[in-house]
């Protein structure tokens, strides 16, 4: 009885490890295939990032005023 129980356990272990091995092998193959497809269909070079336009003088004035006001509030609270 103990031998049949041990044999059943070993059989289950081999089946489980085989299943995991097959799954991981398929996963690696699918991932490699997807990587090749993405490299094949993606553009060779990505377009360069265009720099954002410089802020207008009005925007710079508003930012400067906000910084100045923030510094005044910080000084008065200390």
PDB file of N, CA and C in Angstrom:
ATOM      1  N   UNK A   1       0.810  -1.183   0.000  1.00  0.00           N
ATOM      2  CA  UNK A   1       0.000   0.000   0.000  1.00  0.00           C
ATOM      3  C   UNK A   1       0.865   1.264   0.000  1.00  0.00           C
ATOM      4  N   UNK A   2       1.908   1.287   0.823  1.00  0.00           N
ATOM      5  CA  UNK A   2       2.779   2.466   0.892  1.00  0.00           C
ATOM      6  C   UNK A   2       3.497   2.675  -0.428  1.00  0.00           C
ATOM      7  N   UNK A   3       3.856   1.565  -1.102  1.00  0.00           N
ATOM      8  CA  UNK A   3       4.548   1.708  -2.381  1.00  0.00           C
ATOM      9  C   UNK A   3       3.621   2.288  -3.439  1.00  0.00           C
ATOM     10  N   UNK A   4       2.370   1.908  -3.447  1.00  0.00           N
ATOM     11  CA  UNK A   4       1.454   2.459  -4.446  1.00  0.00           C
ATOM     12  C   UNK A   4       1.185   3.939  -4.170  1.00  0.00           C
ATOM     13  N   UNK A   5       1.144   4.293  -2.888  1.00  0.00           N
ATOM     14  CA  UNK A   5       0.956   5.694  -2.531  1.00  0.00           C
ATOM     15  C   UNK A   5       2.175   6.519  -2.949  1.00  0.00           C
ATOM     16  N   UNK A   6       3.366   5.954  -2.717  1.00  0.00           N
ATOM     17  CA  UNK A   6       4.597   6.638  -3.118  1.00  0.00           C
ATOM     18  C   UNK A   6       4.684   6.738  -4.633  1.00  0.00           C
ATOM     19  N   UNK A   7       4.318   5.690  -5.333  1.00  0.00           N
ATOM     20  CA  UNK A   7       4.347   5.704  -6.801  1.00  0.00           C
ATOM     21  C   UNK A   7       3.354   6.734  -7.338  1.00  0.00           C
ATOM     22  N   UNK A   8       2.180   6.816  -6.722  1.00  0.00           N
ATOM     23  CA  UNK A   8       1.195   7.812  -7.136  1.00  0.00           C
ATOM     24  C   UNK A   8       1.700   9.228  -6.913  1.00  0.00           C
ATOM     25  N   UNK A   9       2.381   9.445  -5.786  1.00  0.00           N
ATOM     26  CA  UNK A   9       2.955  10.764  -5.508  1.00  0.00           C
ATOM     27  C   UNK A   9       4.032  11.140  -6.505  1.00  0.00           C
ATOM     28  N   UNK A  10       4.902  10.186  -6.828  1.00  0.00           N
ATOM     29  CA  UNK A  10       5.954  10.449  -7.819  1.00  0.00           C
ATOM     30  C   UNK A  10       5.361  10.721  -9.192  1.00  0.00           C
ATOM     31  N   UNK A  11       4.328   9.956  -9.536  1.00  0.00           N
ATOM     32  CA  UNK A  11       3.671  10.169 -10.830  1.00  0.00           C
ATOM     33  C   UNK A  11       3.062  11.562 -10.902  1.00  0.00           C
ATOM     34  N   UNK A  12       2.411  11.990  -9.833  1.00  0.00           N
ATOM     35  CA  UNK A  12       1.819  13.322  -9.779  1.00  0.00           C
ATOM     36  C   UNK A  12       2.893  14.411  -9.850  1.00  0.00           C
ATOM     37  N   UNK A  13       4.014  14.184  -9.168  1.00  0.00           N
ATOM     38  CA  UNK A  13       5.111  15.148  -9.192  1.00  0.00           C
ATOM     39  C   UNK A  13       5.680  15.291 -10.602  1.00  0.00           C
ATOM     40  N   UNK A  14       5.913  14.162 -11.269  1.00  0.00           N
ATOM     41  CA  UNK A  14       6.473  14.203 -12.625  1.00  0.00           C
ATOM     42  C   UNK A  14       5.490  14.886 -13.576  1.00  0.00           C
ATOM     43  N   UNK A  15       4.209  14.574 -13.441  1.00  0.00           N
ATOM     44  CA  UNK A  15       3.195  15.202 -14.292  1.00  0.00           C
ATOM     45  C   UNK A  15       3.149  16.716 -14.053  1.00  0.00           C
ATOM     46  N   UNK A  16       3.189  17.136 -12.803  1.00  0.00           N
ATOM     47  CA  UNK A  16       3.154  18.565 -12.478  1.00  0.00           C
ATOM     48  C   UNK A  16       4.386  19.294 -12.972  1.00  0.00           C
ATOM     49  N   UNK A  17       5.557  18.709 -12.763  1.00  0.00           N
ATOM     50  CA  UNK A  17       6.795  19.357 -13.220  1.00  0.00           C
ATOM     51  C   UNK A  17       6.847  19.404 -14.740  1.00  0.00           C
ATOM     52  N   UNK A  18       6.349  18.358 -15.394  1.00  0.00           N
ATOM     53  CA  UNK A  18       6.303  18.351 -16.856  1.00  0.00           C
ATOM     54  C   UNK A  18       5.376  19.427 -17.383  1.00  0.00           C
ATOM     55  N   UNK A  19       4.238  19.591 -16.719  1.00  0.00           N
ATOM     56  CA  UNK A  19       3.291  20.626 -17.126  1.00  0.00           C
ATOM     57  C   UNK A  19       3.905  22.013 -16.993  1.00  0.00           C
ATOM     58  N   UNK A  20       4.571  22.272 -15.900  1.00  0.00           N
ATOM     59  CA  UNK A  20       5.214  23.576 -15.687  1.00  0.00           C
ATOM     60  C   UNK A  20       6.322  23.788 -16.717  1.00  0.00           C
ATOM     61  N   UNK A  21       7.107  22.769 -16.995  1.00  0.00           N
ATOM     62  CA  UNK A  21       8.189  22.891 -17.980  1.00  0.00           C
ATOM     63  C   UNK A  21       7.628  23.215 -19.360  1.00  0.00           C
ATOM     64  N   UNK A  22       6.575  22.502 -19.771  1.00  0.00           N
ATOM     65  CA  UNK A  22       5.978  22.762 -21.083  1.00  0.00           C
ATOM     66  C   UNK A  22       5.402  24.177 -21.127  1.00  0.00           C
ATOM     67  N   UNK A  23       4.711  24.593 -20.081  1.00  0.00           N
ATOM     68  CA  UNK A  23       4.131  25.937 -20.049  1.00  0.00           C
ATOM     69  C   UNK A  23       5.215  27.006 -20.155  1.00  0.00           C
ATOM     70  N   UNK A  24       6.292  26.856 -19.392  1.00  0.00           N
ATOM     71  CA  UNK A  24       7.362  27.863 -19.436  1.00  0.00           C
ATOM     72  C   UNK A  24       8.055  27.880 -20.796  1.00  0.00           C
ATOM     73  N   UNK A  25       8.221  26.727 -21.405  1.00  0.00           N
ATOM     74  CA  UNK A  25       8.826  26.668 -22.737  1.00  0.00           C
ATOM     75  C   UNK A  25       7.950  27.393 -23.755  1.00  0.00           C
ATOM     76  N   UNK A  26       6.647  27.141 -23.703  1.00  0.00           N
ATOM     77  CA  UNK A  26       5.722  27.823 -24.612  1.00  0.00           C
ATOM     78  C   UNK A  26       5.742  29.323 -24.337  1.00  0.00           C
ATOM     79  N   UNK A  27       5.797  29.721 -23.095  1.00  0.00           N
ATOM     80  CA  UNK A  27       5.841  31.136 -22.732  1.00  0.00           C
ATOM     81  C   UNK A  27       7.079  31.818 -23.312  1.00  0.00           C
ATOM     82  N   UNK A  28       8.224  31.181 -23.216  1.00  0.00           N
ATOM     83  CA  UNK A  28       9.458  31.753 -23.766  1.00  0.00           C
ATOM     84  C   UNK A  28       9.360  31.869 -25.277  1.00  0.00           C
ATOM     85  N   UNK A  29       8.841  30.850 -25.932  1.00  0.00           N
ATOM     86  CA  UNK A  29       8.721  30.887 -27.396  1.00  0.00           C
ATOM     87  C   UNK A  29       7.750  31.977 -27.849  1.00  0.00           C
ATOM     88  N   UNK A  30       6.627  32.107 -27.176  1.00  0.00           N
ATOM     89  CA  UNK A  30       5.653  33.138 -27.547  1.00  0.00           C
ATOM     90  C   UNK A  30       6.227  34.527 -27.294  1.00  0.00           C
ATOM     91  N   UNK A  31       6.928  34.703 -26.185  1.00  0.00           N
ATOM     92  CA  UNK A  31       7.521  36.012 -25.885  1.00  0.00           C
ATOM     93  C   UNK A  31       8.592  36.379 -26.911  1.00  0.00           C
ATOM     94  N   UNK A  32       9.423  35.425 -27.293  1.00  0.00           N
ATOM     95  CA  UNK A  32      10.459  35.686 -28.300  1.00  0.00           C
ATOM     96  C   UNK A  32       9.824  36.016 -29.651  1.00  0.00           C
ATOM     97  N   UNK A  33       8.765  35.298 -30.001  1.00  0.00           N
ATOM     98  CA  UNK A  33       8.084  35.569 -31.268  1.00  0.00           C
ATOM     99  C   UNK A  33       7.451  36.952 -31.257  1.00  0.00           C
ATOM    100  N   UNK A  34       6.821  37.321 -30.161  1.00  0.00           N
ATOM    101  CA  UNK A  34       6.226  38.656 -30.062  1.00  0.00           C
ATOM    102  C   UNK A  34       7.296  39.738 -30.148  1.00  0.00           C
ATOM    103  N   UNK A  35       8.435  39.512 -29.543  1.00  0.00           N
ATOM    104  CA  UNK A  35       9.522  40.485 -29.594  1.00  0.00           C
ATOM    105  C   UNK A  35      10.003  40.685 -31.026  1.00  0.00           C
ATOM    106  N   UNK A  36      10.151  39.584 -31.759  1.00  0.00           N
ATOM    107  CA  UNK A  36      10.571  39.697 -33.164  1.00  0.00           C
ATOM    108  C   UNK A  36       9.526  40.435 -33.995  1.00  0.00           C
ATOM    109  N   UNK A  37       8.249  40.154 -33.749  1.00  0.00           N
ATOM    110  CA  UNK A  37       7.191  40.834 -34.503  1.00  0.00           C
ATOM    111  C   UNK A  37       7.179  42.330 -34.216  1.00  0.00           C
ATOM    112  N   UNK A  38       7.350  42.696 -32.962  1.00  0.00           N
ATOM    113  CA  UNK A  38       7.360  44.123 -32.605  1.00  0.00           C
ATOM    114  C   UNK A  38       8.548  44.814 -33.248  1.00  0.00           C
ATOM    115  N   UNK A  39       9.710  44.175 -33.234  1.00  0.00           N
ATOM    116  CA  UNK A  39      10.888  44.772 -33.859  1.00  0.00           C
ATOM    117  C   UNK A  39      10.706  44.885 -35.365  1.00  0.00           C
ATOM    118  N   UNK A  40      10.012  43.937 -35.963  1.00  0.00           N
ATOM    119  CA  UNK A  40       9.810  43.942 -37.413  1.00  0.00           C
ATOM    120  C   UNK A  40       8.852  45.044 -37.837  1.00  0.00           C
ATOM    121  N   UNK A  41       7.777  45.239 -37.079  1.00  0.00           N
ATOM    122  CA  UNK A  41       6.753  46.190 -37.477  1.00  0.00           C
ATOM    123  C   UNK A  41       6.914  47.579 -36.879  1.00  0.00           C
ATOM    124  N   UNK A  42       7.817  47.759 -35.935  1.00  0.00           N
ATOM    125  CA  UNK A  42       8.005  49.085 -35.347  1.00  0.00           C
ATOM    126  C   UNK A  42       8.889  49.921 -36.263  1.00  0.00           C
ATOM    127  N   UNK A  43       8.729  51.250 -36.207  1.00  0.00           N
ATOM    128  CA  UNK A  43       9.579  52.098 -37.056  1.00  0.00           C
ATOM    129  C   UNK A  43      11.037  51.992 -36.626  1.00  0.00           C
ATOM    130  N   UNK A  44      11.908  52.220 -37.599  1.00  0.00           N
ATOM    131  CA  UNK A  44      13.346  52.099 -37.327  1.00  0.00           C
ATOM    132  C   UNK A  44      13.796  53.088 -36.257  1.00  0.00           C
ATOM    133  N   UNK A  45      13.443  54.332 -36.450  1.00  0.00           N
ATOM    134  CA  UNK A  45      13.863  55.364 -35.501  1.00  0.00           C
ATOM    135  C   UNK A  45      12.628  56.120 -35.039  1.00  0.00           C
ATOM    136  N   UNK A  46      12.546  56.332 -33.765  1.00  0.00           N
ATOM    137  CA  UNK A  46      11.434  57.108 -33.231  1.00  0.00           C
ATOM    138  C   UNK A  46      11.660  58.572 -33.582  1.00  0.00           C
ATOM    139  N   UNK A  47      10.594  59.315 -33.851  1.00  0.00           N
ATOM    140  CA  UNK A  47      10.788  60.733 -34.159  1.00  0.00           C
ATOM    141  C   UNK A  47      11.370  61.452 -32.945  1.00  0.00           C
ATOM    142  N   UNK A  48      12.265  62.388 -33.192  1.00  0.00           N
ATOM    143  CA  UNK A  48      12.868  63.104 -32.056  1.00  0.00           C
ATOM    144  C   UNK A  48      11.814  63.923 -31.332  1.00  0.00           C
ATOM    145  N   UNK A  49      12.033  64.074 -30.043  1.00  0.00           N
ATOM    146  CA  UNK A  49      11.118  64.890 -29.250  1.00  0.00           C
ATOM    147  C   UNK A  49      11.280  66.345 -29.645  1.00  0.00           C
ATOM    148  N   UNK A  50      10.175  66.974 -29.964  1.00  0.00           N
ATOM    149  CA  UNK A  50      10.250  68.388 -30.303  1.00  0.00           C
ATOM    150  C   UNK A  50      10.246  69.184 -29.006  1.00  0.00           C
ATOM    151  N   UNK A  51      11.131  70.142 -28.899  1.00  0.00           N
ATOM    152  CA  UNK A  51      11.171  70.927 -27.663  1.00  0.00           C
ATOM    153  C   UNK A  51       9.895  71.747 -27.527  1.00  0.00           C
ATOM    154  N   UNK A  52       9.482  71.921 -26.301  1.00  0.00           N
ATOM    155  CA  UNK A  52       8.276  72.718 -26.074  1.00  0.00           C
ATOM    156  C   UNK A  52       8.599  74.180 -26.373  1.00  0.00           C
ATOM    157  N   UNK A  53       7.609  74.920 -26.837  1.00  0.00           N
ATOM    158  CA  UNK A  53       7.871  76.337 -27.147  1.00  0.00           C
ATOM    159  C   UNK A  53       8.186  77.106 -25.869  1.00  0.00           C
ATOM    160  N   UNK A  54       8.953  78.146 -26.027  1.00  0.00           N
ATOM    161  CA  UNK A  54       9.311  78.962 -24.870  1.00  0.00           C
ATOM    162  C   UNK A  54       8.084  79.715 -24.380  1.00  0.00           C
ATOM    163  N   UNK A  55       7.974  79.904 -23.073  1.00  0.00           N
ATOM    164  CA  UNK A  55       6.804  80.617 -22.549  1.00  0.00           C
ATOM    165  C   UNK A  55       6.821  82.082 -22.983  1.00  0.00           C
ATOM    166  N   UNK A  56       5.634  82.638 -23.104  1.00  0.00           N
ATOM    167  CA  UNK A  56       5.506  84.041 -23.510  1.00  0.00           C
ATOM    168  C   UNK A  56       5.988  84.943 -22.371  1.00  0.00           C
ATOM    169  N   UNK A  57       6.280  86.182 -22.676  1.00  0.00           N
ATOM    170  CA  UNK A  57       6.702  87.114 -21.610  1.00  0.00           C
ATOM    171  C   UNK A  57       5.640  87.270 -20.527  1.00  0.00           C
ATOM    172  N   UNK A  58       4.349  87.215 -20.910  1.00  0.00           N
ATOM    173  CA  UNK A  58       3.283  87.324 -19.909  1.00  0.00           C
ATOM    174  C   UNK A  58       3.329  86.138 -18.948  1.00  0.00           C
ATOM    175  N   UNK A  59       3.555  84.954 -19.492  1.00  0.00           N
ATOM    176  CA  UNK A  59       3.635  83.758 -18.651  1.00  0.00           C
ATOM    177  C   UNK A  59       4.821  83.856 -17.703  1.00  0.00           C
ATOM    178  N   UNK A  60       5.955  84.308 -18.204  1.00  0.00           N
ATOM    179  CA  UNK A  60       7.133  84.471 -17.351  1.00  0.00           C
ATOM    180  C   UNK A  60       6.861  85.492 -16.244  1.00  0.00           C
ATOM    181  N   UNK A  61       6.128  86.561 -16.564  1.00  0.00           N
ATOM    182  CA  UNK A  61       5.812  87.579 -15.559  1.00  0.00           C
ATOM    183  C   UNK A  61       4.906  87.004 -14.475  1.00  0.00           C
ATOM    184  N   UNK A  62       3.923  86.208 -14.868  1.00  0.00           N
ATOM    185  CA  UNK A  62       3.019  85.599 -13.891  1.00  0.00           C
ATOM    186  C   UNK A  62       3.783  84.623 -12.997  1.00  0.00           C
ATOM    187  N   UNK A  63       4.660  83.819 -13.584  1.00  0.00           N
ATOM    188  CA  UNK A  63       5.443  82.858 -12.800  1.00  0.00           C
ATOM    189  C   UNK A  63       6.348  83.602 -11.819  1.00  0.00           C
ATOM    190  N   UNK A  64       7.001  84.654 -12.294  1.00  0.00           N
ATOM    191  CA  UNK A  64       7.885  85.440 -11.420  1.00  0.00           C
ATOM    192  C   UNK A  64       7.105  86.064 -10.268  1.00  0.00           C
ATOM    193  N   UNK A  65       5.911  86.587 -10.563  1.00  0.00           N
ATOM    194  CA  UNK A  65       5.094  87.199  -9.512  1.00  0.00           C
ATOM    195  C   UNK A  65       4.661  86.147  -8.494  1.00  0.00           C
ATOM    196  N   UNK A  66       4.317  84.959  -8.973  1.00  0.00           N
ATOM    197  CA  UNK A  66       3.896  83.891  -8.057  1.00  0.00           C
ATOM    198  C   UNK A  66       5.053  83.464  -7.158  1.00  0.00           C
ATOM    199  N   UNK A  67       6.246  83.349  -7.709  1.00  0.00           N
ATOM    200  CA  UNK A  67       7.420  82.972  -6.912  1.00  0.00           C
ATOM    201  C   UNK A  67       7.707  84.054  -5.876  1.00  0.00           C
ATOM    202  N   UNK A  68       7.633  85.317  -6.301  1.00  0.00           N
ATOM    203  CA  UNK A  68       7.891  86.420  -5.393  1.00  0.00           C
ATOM    204  C   UNK A  68       6.886  86.421  -4.238  1.00  0.00           C
ATOM    205  N   UNK A  69       5.604  86.215  -4.556  1.00  0.00           N
ATOM    206  CA  UNK A  69       4.556  86.186  -3.532  1.00  0.00           C
ATOM    207  C   UNK A  69       4.769  85.006  -2.587  1.00  0.00           C
ATOM    208  N   UNK A  70       5.132  83.852  -3.128  1.00  0.00           N
ATOM    209  CA  UNK A  70       5.374  82.668  -2.300  1.00  0.00           C
ATOM    210  C   UNK A  70       6.527  82.915  -1.325  1.00  0.00           C
ATOM    211  N   UNK A  71       7.577  83.548  -1.798  1.00  0.00           N
ATOM    212  CA  UNK A  71       8.728  83.830  -0.929  1.00  0.00           C
ATOM    213  C   UNK A  71       8.353  84.826   0.171  1.00  0.00           C
ATOM    214  N   UNK A  72       7.494  85.815  -0.162  1.00  0.00           N
ATOM    215  CA  UNK A  72       7.063  86.771   0.841  1.00  0.00           C
ATOM    216  C   UNK A  72       6.243  86.071   1.924  1.00  0.00           C
ATOM    217  N   UNK A  73       5.371  85.166   1.530  1.00  0.00           N
ATOM    218  CA  UNK A  73       4.544  84.438   2.493  1.00  0.00           C
ATOM    219  C   UNK A  73       5.426  83.555   3.362  1.00  0.00           C
ATOM    220  N   UNK A  74       6.414  82.928   2.772  1.00  0.00           N
ATOM    221  CA  UNK A  74       7.307  82.060   3.534  1.00  0.00           C
ATOM    222  C   UNK A  74       8.104  82.852   4.554  1.00  0.00           C
ATOM    223  N   UNK A  75       8.570  84.052   4.181  1.00  0.00           N
ATOM    224  CA  UNK A  75       9.349  84.880   5.101  1.00  0.00           C
ATOM    225  C   UNK A  75       8.488  85.391   6.254  1.00  0.00           C
ATOM    226  N   UNK A  76       7.249  85.747   5.933  1.00  0.00           N
ATOM    227  CA  UNK A  76       6.402  86.305   6.991  1.00  0.00           C
ATOM    228  C   UNK A  76       5.913  85.242   7.955  1.00  0.00           C
ATOM    229  N   UNK A  77       5.885  83.995   7.539  1.00  0.00           N
ATOM    230  CA  UNK A  77       5.407  82.934   8.451  1.00  0.00           C
ATOM    231  C   UNK A  77       6.516  82.443   9.374  1.00  0.00           C
ATOM    232  N   UNK A  78       7.745  82.798   9.141  1.00  0.00           N
ATOM    233  CA  UNK A  78       8.863  82.344   9.989  1.00  0.00           C
ATOM    234  C   UNK A  78       9.133  83.327  11.040  1.00  0.00           C
TER     235      UNK A  78
END
